[in-house]
Amino acid sequence: MSDRLSVFKTYKLYVGGKFPRSESGRVYEVTDSKGNWLANAPQSSRKDARDAVVAARKAFGGWSGATAYNRGQVLYRVAEMLEGRRDQFVREVADAEGLGKSKAAAVVDATVDRWVWYAGWTDKIAQVVGGGNPVAGPFFNLSSPEPTGVVAVLAPQESSFLGLVSVVAPVIATGNTAVVVASEKAPLPALSLAEVLATSDVPGGVVNVLSGRTAEIAAPLAAHQDVNAIDLAGADEVLAKELEIAAADNLKRVLRPQPVDDWTATPGLDRLTAFLETKTVWHPTGALGASGSSY
């Protein structure tokens, strides 16, 4: 019989490509569906939220300026790394959501597939929501999608992994950077996802992951002047209303909570287009000769 002590996993925040502890030094207990202790997760403070926004803004220029094809390659690499750590995520999702191993495995497989699905859309969404516009005159008029900026994402509370990826992947696929508030009661899959992002090709600061009390972290994010949009997927009705009011101060885009009965269903393009702006460019065609014909 071995007298070796187990090495417990230390969960940390993910901010700017690094793994800091909470600035406040606080942690809170995370338990499974039966109340058994799983880990101590960092309890983020307002300072952690502000630091995450700074990191996301710093990363925005490089990430939004990368080609859509390159972003797709990076996201696909994340899916590869998720696949390699499948067994770990099956265990964590089973504990977090009270699922049997086979159901948890199905959730993890669907999550990897969801990431691949969004990776494939990075260089195609412009063809769907952009294009040439008919105008009266010798001009080209072209509309193209551009990322909104820094997006705060409140991850779904009940779907700790599939729901999480379903709201984070479309944000970064379109060139935005994200500050993610993990599920309050089940943050461990999100914090482990951060480890995958760090060992993939995702630049530091593109995704920042915070754990703790959702309302406490979300309030400074909703009021932050350098956050351009917020997804309220993980907020209840009362909190969502408070955050929407705070977000109005700098005219943030707000995606209100949408009831999702089945996260495994094909998500459509709504979340891809929710945090895109449309840039329209006019360009003269020029004239070809005295007849006034043009191309």
Foldseek 3Di string as FASTA:
>chain_A
DDPDDDDADDFAWAAQLDGDAAPVNDWDFAFFPVRHTRYTYGAHAQVLLVRLLVSQQVCQVVLQPDALLVLLVLLLQLLVLLVVCLVVQLVLQCRHQVDDSVVSSVLSVLQSVLSNVLSVCSNPVQVVPWAWDDDPAQKTKTKGKGFQEEEEEEFAQNRQGLSRSNQLNLNSSRRYAYEYEGRANRNVNVSVSSVSSSPTPNGGSSYTYHYHDRLRSLQSQLQPLSHQAYEPQHPDPVSQVVSVVNNPVNDHQYHGHDDDPDSSPDPPCCSNCSRIDMDMDMDGQDADDPVRDGD
